[in-house]
Amino acid sequence: MEHAINIRRMTGIDVNYGTQSCINIDNCPEREGAAGYNKNTTLSRMFELAYQTKANIIAKGGPNAKWYLKKINLDTIDEKINKQRWRDTSRITLWVIEWGII
């Protein structure tokens, strides 16, 4: 987290539905399933993984409450959030990260 310039926590929203938008790390012990990370992984560990992969979104949610890493253009985040209004995102929490120099 020490490399982050700004961190925003947002609840009840999501960006980029589906596993195709998720970032995966091969051979990562926390990795679980096709696109997620174990639900028992700590938030600080997820920040480490996000920094390694240059992901700027950490999401916690889904049917199994797993963690997900995503990367989007932060200038379009409001547009991406509005595109997800068609589904129930009430149980999803996002951490939006603006990184310093990576």
N, C-alpha and C. Protein backbone atom coordinates (compact mmCIF):
# COMPACT_ATOMS: atom_id res chain seq x y z
N MET A 1 0.81 -1.19 0.00
CA MET A 1 0.00 0.00 0.00
C MET A 1 0.86 1.26 0.00
N GLU A 2 2.11 1.11 0.33
CA GLU A 2 2.98 2.29 0.40
C GLU A 2 3.24 2.92 -0.96
N HIS A 3 2.94 2.22 -2.05
CA HIS A 3 3.14 2.76 -3.40
C HIS A 3 1.89 3.45 -3.93
N ALA A 4 0.80 3.37 -3.20
CA ALA A 4 -0.46 3.95 -3.66
C ALA A 4 -0.51 5.44 -3.34
N ILE A 5 -0.99 6.21 -4.32
CA ILE A 5 -1.20 7.65 -4.11
C ILE A 5 -2.56 7.89 -3.50
N ASN A 6 -3.55 7.15 -3.99
CA ASN A 6 -4.92 7.33 -3.54
C ASN A 6 -5.62 5.98 -3.56
N ILE A 7 -6.41 5.70 -2.52
CA ILE A 7 -7.20 4.46 -2.45
C ILE A 7 -8.63 4.86 -2.09
N ARG A 8 -9.58 4.41 -2.90
CA ARG A 8 -10.99 4.65 -2.62
C ARG A 8 -11.70 3.32 -2.43
N ARG A 9 -12.49 3.23 -1.40
CA ARG A 9 -13.31 2.03 -1.17
C ARG A 9 -14.73 2.35 -1.61
N MET A 10 -15.29 1.50 -2.45
CA MET A 10 -16.64 1.71 -2.97
C MET A 10 -17.43 0.43 -2.76
N THR A 11 -18.62 0.53 -2.20
CA THR A 11 -19.43 -0.65 -1.94
C THR A 11 -20.68 -0.66 -2.83
N GLY A 12 -21.11 -1.85 -3.16
CA GLY A 12 -22.34 -2.02 -3.92
C GLY A 12 -22.21 -1.74 -5.40
N ILE A 13 -20.99 -1.77 -5.93
CA ILE A 13 -20.78 -1.53 -7.35
C ILE A 13 -19.75 -2.49 -7.90
N ASP A 14 -19.69 -2.57 -9.23
CA ASP A 14 -18.68 -3.40 -9.87
C ASP A 14 -18.34 -2.78 -11.22
N VAL A 15 -17.22 -3.19 -11.76
CA VAL A 15 -16.79 -2.78 -13.10
C VAL A 15 -16.41 -4.04 -13.87
N ASN A 16 -16.64 -4.04 -15.17
CA ASN A 16 -16.22 -5.13 -16.05
C ASN A 16 -16.65 -6.50 -15.56
N TYR A 17 -17.89 -6.84 -15.81
CA TYR A 17 -18.44 -8.14 -15.44
C TYR A 17 -17.76 -9.27 -16.21
N GLY A 18 -17.52 -10.35 -15.55
CA GLY A 18 -16.99 -11.55 -16.21
C GLY A 18 -15.53 -11.78 -15.91
N THR A 19 -15.11 -13.00 -16.13
CA THR A 19 -13.75 -13.40 -15.81
C THR A 19 -12.74 -12.90 -16.83
N GLN A 20 -13.18 -12.48 -18.02
CA GLN A 20 -12.23 -12.03 -19.04
C GLN A 20 -11.54 -10.73 -18.63
N SER A 21 -12.11 -9.98 -17.70
CA SER A 21 -11.50 -8.72 -17.27
C SER A 21 -10.58 -8.90 -16.07
N CYS A 22 -10.50 -10.10 -15.54
CA CYS A 22 -9.71 -10.34 -14.33
C CYS A 22 -8.26 -10.65 -14.67
N ILE A 23 -7.38 -10.24 -13.78
CA ILE A 23 -5.95 -10.49 -13.92
C ILE A 23 -5.60 -11.70 -13.05
N ASN A 24 -4.92 -12.65 -13.62
CA ASN A 24 -4.54 -13.86 -12.89
C ASN A 24 -3.03 -14.00 -12.85
N ILE A 25 -2.54 -14.53 -11.77
CA ILE A 25 -1.12 -14.80 -11.61
C ILE A 25 -0.96 -16.32 -11.59
N ASP A 26 -0.27 -16.85 -12.56
CA ASP A 26 -0.03 -18.29 -12.59
C ASP A 26 0.86 -18.69 -11.41
N ASN A 27 0.61 -19.86 -10.88
CA ASN A 27 1.40 -20.43 -9.78
C ASN A 27 1.36 -19.59 -8.52
N CYS A 28 0.31 -18.81 -8.33
CA CYS A 28 0.13 -18.02 -7.12
C CYS A 28 -0.62 -18.88 -6.11
N PRO A 29 -0.09 -19.04 -4.89
CA PRO A 29 -0.76 -19.92 -3.93
C PRO A 29 -2.17 -19.46 -3.54
N GLU A 30 -2.45 -18.18 -3.67
CA GLU A 30 -3.77 -17.66 -3.32
C GLU A 30 -4.79 -17.84 -4.45
N ARG A 31 -4.33 -18.17 -5.62
CA ARG A 31 -5.21 -18.29 -6.79
C ARG A 31 -6.20 -19.41 -6.58
N GLU A 32 -7.45 -19.16 -6.97
CA GLU A 32 -8.49 -20.15 -6.79
C GLU A 32 -9.47 -20.05 -7.96
N GLY A 33 -9.64 -21.12 -8.68
CA GLY A 33 -10.55 -21.13 -9.81
C GLY A 33 -9.97 -20.43 -11.03
N ALA A 34 -10.83 -20.12 -11.97
CA ALA A 34 -10.40 -19.55 -13.25
C ALA A 34 -9.97 -18.10 -13.14
N ALA A 35 -10.55 -17.35 -12.23
CA ALA A 35 -10.28 -15.92 -12.25
C ALA A 35 -10.11 -15.27 -10.88
N GLY A 36 -10.26 -16.01 -9.81
CA GLY A 36 -10.27 -15.38 -8.50
C GLY A 36 -9.13 -15.81 -7.61
N TYR A 37 -9.17 -15.23 -6.42
CA TYR A 37 -8.19 -15.53 -5.37
C TYR A 37 -8.96 -15.92 -4.12
N ASN A 38 -8.36 -16.75 -3.31
CA ASN A 38 -9.01 -17.31 -2.12
C ASN A 38 -9.63 -16.23 -1.26
N LYS A 39 -10.85 -16.49 -0.79
CA LYS A 39 -11.58 -15.50 0.01
C LYS A 39 -10.91 -15.21 1.35
N ASN A 40 -10.05 -16.08 1.81
CA ASN A 40 -9.36 -15.88 3.08
C ASN A 40 -8.06 -15.10 2.96
N THR A 41 -7.69 -14.70 1.75
CA THR A 41 -6.49 -13.89 1.54
C THR A 41 -6.72 -12.52 2.16
N THR A 42 -5.69 -11.96 2.78
CA THR A 42 -5.85 -10.66 3.43
C THR A 42 -5.86 -9.53 2.41
N LEU A 43 -6.43 -8.42 2.81
CA LEU A 43 -6.46 -7.25 1.93
C LEU A 43 -5.05 -6.75 1.65
N SER A 44 -4.19 -6.77 2.63
CA SER A 44 -2.81 -6.31 2.40
C SER A 44 -2.09 -7.19 1.38
N ARG A 45 -2.35 -8.49 1.40
CA ARG A 45 -1.76 -9.39 0.40
C ARG A 45 -2.33 -9.09 -0.99
N MET A 46 -3.62 -8.77 -1.06
CA MET A 46 -4.21 -8.42 -2.34
C MET A 46 -3.61 -7.12 -2.89
N PHE A 47 -3.28 -6.19 -2.02
CA PHE A 47 -2.59 -4.98 -2.47
C PHE A 47 -1.22 -5.32 -3.03
N GLU A 48 -0.51 -6.25 -2.41
CA GLU A 48 0.79 -6.68 -2.93
C GLU A 48 0.64 -7.29 -4.33
N LEU A 49 -0.35 -8.16 -4.48
CA LEU A 49 -0.59 -8.80 -5.78
C LEU A 49 -1.02 -7.77 -6.82
N ALA A 50 -1.82 -6.81 -6.42
CA ALA A 50 -2.25 -5.76 -7.34
C ALA A 50 -1.04 -4.94 -7.81
N TYR A 51 -0.15 -4.64 -6.91
CA TYR A 51 1.05 -3.87 -7.27
C TYR A 51 1.92 -4.67 -8.24
N GLN A 52 2.08 -5.96 -7.99
CA GLN A 52 2.88 -6.82 -8.87
C GLN A 52 2.32 -6.87 -10.29
N THR A 53 1.00 -6.89 -10.41
CA THR A 53 0.35 -7.05 -11.71
C THR A 53 -0.08 -5.72 -12.33
N LYS A 54 0.15 -4.63 -11.62
CA LYS A 54 -0.27 -3.29 -12.07
C LYS A 54 -1.79 -3.19 -12.16
N ALA A 55 -2.51 -3.98 -11.38
CA ALA A 55 -3.97 -3.89 -11.32
C ALA A 55 -4.34 -2.65 -10.52
N ASN A 56 -5.40 -1.97 -10.92
CA ASN A 56 -5.82 -0.79 -10.15
C ASN A 56 -7.20 -0.96 -9.52
N ILE A 57 -7.75 -2.15 -9.63
CA ILE A 57 -9.02 -2.47 -8.97
C ILE A 57 -8.86 -3.79 -8.22
N ILE A 58 -9.24 -3.76 -6.95
CA ILE A 58 -9.35 -4.99 -6.17
C ILE A 58 -10.84 -5.12 -5.85
N ALA A 59 -11.42 -6.26 -6.18
CA ALA A 59 -12.84 -6.49 -5.94
C ALA A 59 -13.01 -7.70 -5.03
N LYS A 60 -13.97 -7.61 -4.14
CA LYS A 60 -14.34 -8.74 -3.28
C LYS A 60 -15.83 -8.95 -3.45
N GLY A 61 -16.20 -10.12 -3.92
CA GLY A 61 -17.61 -10.39 -4.11
C GLY A 61 -17.82 -11.63 -4.94
N GLY A 62 -19.02 -11.79 -5.42
CA GLY A 62 -19.36 -12.97 -6.19
C GLY A 62 -20.00 -14.02 -5.32
N PRO A 63 -20.43 -15.12 -5.92
CA PRO A 63 -21.14 -16.15 -5.16
C PRO A 63 -20.30 -16.77 -4.05
N ASN A 64 -19.00 -16.81 -4.21
CA ASN A 64 -18.14 -17.40 -3.18
C ASN A 64 -17.33 -16.34 -2.43
N ALA A 65 -17.61 -15.06 -2.65
CA ALA A 65 -16.95 -13.93 -2.01
C ALA A 65 -15.43 -13.97 -2.18
N LYS A 66 -14.99 -14.36 -3.38
CA LYS A 66 -13.56 -14.39 -3.67
C LYS A 66 -13.06 -12.98 -3.98
N TRP A 67 -11.75 -12.86 -4.06
CA TRP A 67 -11.09 -11.63 -4.46
C TRP A 67 -10.84 -11.67 -5.97
N TYR A 68 -10.83 -10.50 -6.59
CA TYR A 68 -10.51 -10.38 -8.02
C TYR A 68 -9.64 -9.16 -8.23
N LEU A 69 -8.71 -9.24 -9.16
CA LEU A 69 -7.88 -8.12 -9.57
C LEU A 69 -8.27 -7.70 -10.98
N LYS A 70 -8.39 -6.41 -11.20
CA LYS A 70 -8.78 -5.90 -12.52
C LYS A 70 -7.95 -4.65 -12.82
N LYS A 71 -7.84 -4.37 -14.10
CA LYS A 71 -7.17 -3.15 -14.53
C LYS A 71 -8.05 -2.45 -15.54
N ILE A 72 -8.39 -1.20 -15.25
CA ILE A 72 -9.19 -0.40 -16.17
C ILE A 72 -8.60 1.00 -16.23
N ASN A 73 -9.03 1.74 -17.22
CA ASN A 73 -8.66 3.15 -17.32
C ASN A 73 -9.52 3.89 -16.30
N LEU A 74 -8.91 4.53 -15.31
CA LEU A 74 -9.66 5.18 -14.26
C LEU A 74 -10.47 6.37 -14.75
N ASP A 75 -10.15 6.90 -15.91
CA ASP A 75 -10.93 8.00 -16.48
C ASP A 75 -12.32 7.54 -16.90
N THR A 76 -12.48 6.24 -17.11
CA THR A 76 -13.77 5.70 -17.56
C THR A 76 -14.49 4.90 -16.47
N ILE A 77 -14.08 5.04 -15.23
CA ILE A 77 -14.65 4.20 -14.17
C ILE A 77 -16.14 4.45 -13.98
N ASP A 78 -16.59 5.70 -14.06
CA ASP A 78 -18.02 5.98 -13.88
C ASP A 78 -18.84 5.31 -14.98
N GLU A 79 -18.36 5.35 -16.19
CA GLU A 79 -19.03 4.70 -17.31
C GLU A 79 -19.11 3.18 -17.10
N LYS A 80 -18.01 2.59 -16.64
CA LYS A 80 -17.97 1.14 -16.42
C LYS A 80 -18.90 0.73 -15.27
N ILE A 81 -19.00 1.57 -14.25
CA ILE A 81 -19.92 1.30 -13.14
C ILE A 81 -21.36 1.35 -13.63
N ASN A 82 -21.69 2.37 -14.41
CA ASN A 82 -23.06 2.51 -14.91
C ASN A 82 -23.47 1.34 -15.80
N LYS A 83 -22.54 0.74 -16.51
CA LYS A 83 -22.85 -0.41 -17.37
C LYS A 83 -23.24 -1.65 -16.55
N GLN A 84 -22.93 -1.65 -15.26
CA GLN A 84 -23.23 -2.81 -14.41
C GLN A 84 -24.51 -2.64 -13.60
N ARG A 85 -25.26 -1.58 -13.83
CA ARG A 85 -26.49 -1.32 -13.07
C ARG A 85 -27.57 -2.38 -13.33
N TRP A 86 -27.44 -3.17 -14.38
CA TRP A 86 -28.45 -4.17 -14.72
C TRP A 86 -28.45 -5.37 -13.79
N ARG A 87 -27.40 -5.52 -13.01
CA ARG A 87 -27.33 -6.70 -12.13
C ARG A 87 -27.16 -6.29 -10.68
N ASP A 88 -27.39 -7.22 -9.79
CA ASP A 88 -27.28 -6.95 -8.36
C ASP A 88 -25.81 -6.97 -7.96
N THR A 89 -25.28 -5.80 -7.63
CA THR A 89 -23.89 -5.69 -7.20
C THR A 89 -23.81 -5.27 -5.73
N SER A 90 -24.89 -5.44 -5.00
CA SER A 90 -24.97 -4.95 -3.62
C SER A 90 -23.96 -5.61 -2.68
N ARG A 91 -23.47 -6.79 -3.02
CA ARG A 91 -22.55 -7.49 -2.12
C ARG A 91 -21.10 -7.41 -2.60
N ILE A 92 -20.80 -6.48 -3.50
CA ILE A 92 -19.44 -6.34 -4.02
C ILE A 92 -18.81 -5.07 -3.46
N THR A 93 -17.55 -5.18 -3.08
CA THR A 93 -16.78 -4.03 -2.62
C THR A 93 -15.57 -3.88 -3.53
N LEU A 94 -15.31 -2.65 -3.94
CA LEU A 94 -14.15 -2.35 -4.78
C LEU A 94 -13.19 -1.45 -4.03
N TRP A 95 -11.92 -1.67 -4.25
CA TRP A 95 -10.88 -0.75 -3.83
C TRP A 95 -10.25 -0.23 -5.12
N VAL A 96 -10.38 1.05 -5.36
CA VAL A 96 -9.84 1.68 -6.57
C VAL A 96 -8.52 2.34 -6.17
N ILE A 97 -7.46 1.96 -6.86
CA ILE A 97 -6.10 2.36 -6.48
C ILE A 97 -5.49 3.22 -7.56
N GLU A 98 -4.94 4.34 -7.15
CA GLU A 98 -4.10 5.14 -8.05
C GLU A 98 -2.67 4.93 -7.58
N TRP A 99 -1.88 4.28 -8.40
CA TRP A 99 -0.50 3.95 -8.05
C TRP A 99 0.42 5.13 -8.34
N GLY A 100 1.49 5.22 -7.58
CA GLY A 100 2.57 6.14 -7.90
C GLY A 100 3.34 5.53 -9.04
N ILE A 101 4.61 5.71 -9.09
CA ILE A 101 5.44 5.12 -10.14
C ILE A 101 5.53 3.63 -9.92
N ILE A 102 5.17 2.88 -10.96
CA ILE A 102 5.25 1.41 -10.88
C ILE A 102 6.45 0.94 -11.67
